[in-house]
Structure formats: C-alpha cells, structure tokens
C-alpha cells in the first residue's frame, strides 16, 4: 500500500467474523491477575466485558453468535449486547486491533 492509497474502513456487522490479527495477542498476566492486548508498540488493558468478547473473536464465530452467547451467559437482552459488541469491535477494528 503506498502513501496515497487510503486505508479502507471495515464496518463491523452482525455477520462479521472477528479475529485478532497474528501480530496482536490477548494474554493473561497471572502475577497481576489482568488481561492485556499486546500489539506492536502498544498495550491495551481491556475491561472484563471486552475480555469476554475478545476471547470469542476466533474468526469462526460471527458477532451475532458472540453476542448471543454473552446474552445467555449474562442473562441480558440480545439486542443490547449485540449493539454494544458491534460498537466495541468497530472501535478496535478502526485501531487495527481486530480484523473481520
């Protein structure tokens, strides 16, 4: 990609199958009891809900399937969970942390 080619924004939809790119890792630090997203020259410390979403981002399950699992696990309304999941994944996709 040359300097003149704009990056195409990926839009996260319910059918998207998000995954972490090979250069991004979700790691648990047992000493501190925290999860981290490790990216080149960046480290993110996601909140507990984000961690549950990221653990399910395997490139196989769709956003809708992930939201459905979370809705069951947390006994929460599916549409609310789906909207929040899409919003979070879109933000991470825009930062290059998630591919879909």
Protein backbone atom coordinates (compact mmCIF):
# COMPACT_ATOMS: atom_id res chain seq x y z
CA UNK A 1 0.00 0.00 0.00
CA UNK A 2 1.54 3.30 -0.99
CA UNK A 3 1.19 6.58 0.89
CA UNK A 4 -1.57 7.79 -1.45
CA UNK A 5 -3.83 4.76 -1.02
CA UNK A 6 -6.34 5.40 1.76
CA UNK A 7 -7.00 2.58 4.19
CA UNK A 8 -10.41 1.04 3.68
CA UNK A 9 -12.51 1.06 6.85
CA UNK A 10 -14.01 -2.32 7.70
CA UNK A 11 -17.56 -1.99 9.01
CA UNK A 12 -18.47 -4.50 11.71
CA UNK A 13 -21.91 -6.06 11.20
CA UNK A 14 -23.68 -8.98 12.92
CA UNK A 15 -22.39 -11.42 10.27
CA UNK A 16 -18.73 -10.29 10.66
CA UNK A 17 -16.35 -12.94 11.97
CA UNK A 18 -13.80 -11.01 14.01
CA UNK A 19 -10.36 -12.28 14.92
CA UNK A 20 -7.14 -10.91 16.32
CA UNK A 21 -4.51 -10.48 13.59
CA UNK A 22 -1.39 -12.65 14.02
CA UNK A 23 0.66 -9.72 15.37
CA UNK A 24 -1.88 -8.96 18.16
CA UNK A 25 -2.07 -11.20 21.23
CA UNK A 26 -4.54 -11.48 24.12
CA UNK A 27 -2.50 -12.52 27.15
CA UNK A 28 -3.27 -13.09 30.82
CA UNK A 29 -0.73 -11.89 33.37
CA UNK A 30 -1.24 -14.32 36.27
CA UNK A 31 1.05 -12.31 38.56
CA UNK A 32 -1.17 -9.26 38.29
CA UNK A 33 -4.40 -11.11 37.54
CA UNK A 34 -5.02 -8.93 34.47
CA UNK A 35 -5.56 -9.45 30.76
CA UNK A 36 -3.66 -7.42 28.17
CA UNK A 37 -3.91 -6.96 24.43
CA UNK A 38 -0.35 -6.82 23.13
CA UNK A 39 0.20 -5.02 19.85
CA UNK A 40 3.37 -3.68 18.27
CA UNK A 41 4.41 -0.70 20.40
CA UNK A 42 1.03 -0.68 22.20
CA UNK A 43 -0.54 -2.44 25.17
CA UNK A 44 -4.26 -2.28 25.98
CA UNK A 45 -5.84 -3.33 29.24
CA UNK A 46 -9.43 -4.24 28.31
CA UNK A 47 -12.25 -4.21 30.82
CA UNK A 48 -13.82 -7.55 31.89
CA UNK A 49 -16.65 -7.41 29.31
CA UNK A 50 -14.20 -6.60 26.49
CA UNK A 51 -12.10 -9.58 27.55
CA UNK A 52 -15.10 -11.90 27.27
CA UNK A 53 -15.76 -10.59 23.76
CA UNK A 54 -12.12 -10.78 22.67
CA UNK A 55 -11.78 -14.38 23.92
CA UNK A 56 -14.54 -15.31 21.47
CA UNK A 57 -13.02 -13.50 18.47
CA UNK A 58 -11.68 -16.58 16.71
CA UNK A 59 -12.55 -15.78 13.09
CA UNK A 60 -15.13 -18.57 13.13
CA UNK A 61 -17.94 -17.20 15.29
CA UNK A 62 -19.92 -14.24 13.99
CA UNK A 63 -20.54 -11.12 16.03
CA UNK A 64 -24.17 -12.22 16.33
CA UNK A 65 -23.11 -15.62 17.69
CA UNK A 66 -20.74 -13.98 20.17
CA UNK A 67 -23.48 -11.60 21.34
CA UNK A 68 -25.93 -14.49 21.66
CA UNK A 69 -23.50 -16.41 23.90
CA UNK A 70 -22.93 -13.33 26.05
CA UNK A 71 -26.66 -12.62 26.30
CA UNK A 72 -27.20 -16.16 27.61
CA UNK A 73 -24.17 -16.05 29.95
CA UNK A 74 -25.18 -12.70 31.45
CA UNK A 75 -28.97 -13.08 31.14
CA UNK A 76 -29.10 -9.78 29.22
CA UNK A 77 -31.15 -8.58 26.23
CA UNK A 78 -29.61 -9.81 22.96
CA UNK A 79 -30.14 -6.58 21.01
CA UNK A 80 -28.43 -4.50 23.69
CA UNK A 81 -25.48 -6.91 23.88
CA UNK A 82 -25.25 -7.02 20.08
CA UNK A 83 -25.20 -3.22 19.78
CA UNK A 84 -22.54 -2.88 22.49
CA UNK A 85 -20.45 -5.68 20.97
CA UNK A 86 -20.56 -4.14 17.49
CA UNK A 87 -19.63 -0.73 18.91
CA UNK A 88 -16.64 -2.09 20.81
CA UNK A 89 -15.41 -4.25 17.92
CA UNK A 90 -15.79 -1.35 15.48
CA UNK A 91 -13.60 0.83 17.69
CA UNK A 92 -10.98 -1.93 17.90
CA UNK A 93 -11.19 -2.57 14.16
CA UNK A 94 -10.61 1.13 13.48
CA UNK A 95 -7.45 0.90 15.64
CA UNK A 96 -6.27 -2.20 13.76
CA UNK A 97 -6.65 -4.49 16.78
CA UNK A 98 -9.41 -6.63 15.22
CA UNK A 99 -9.80 -7.91 11.68
CA UNK A 100 -13.13 -9.06 10.28
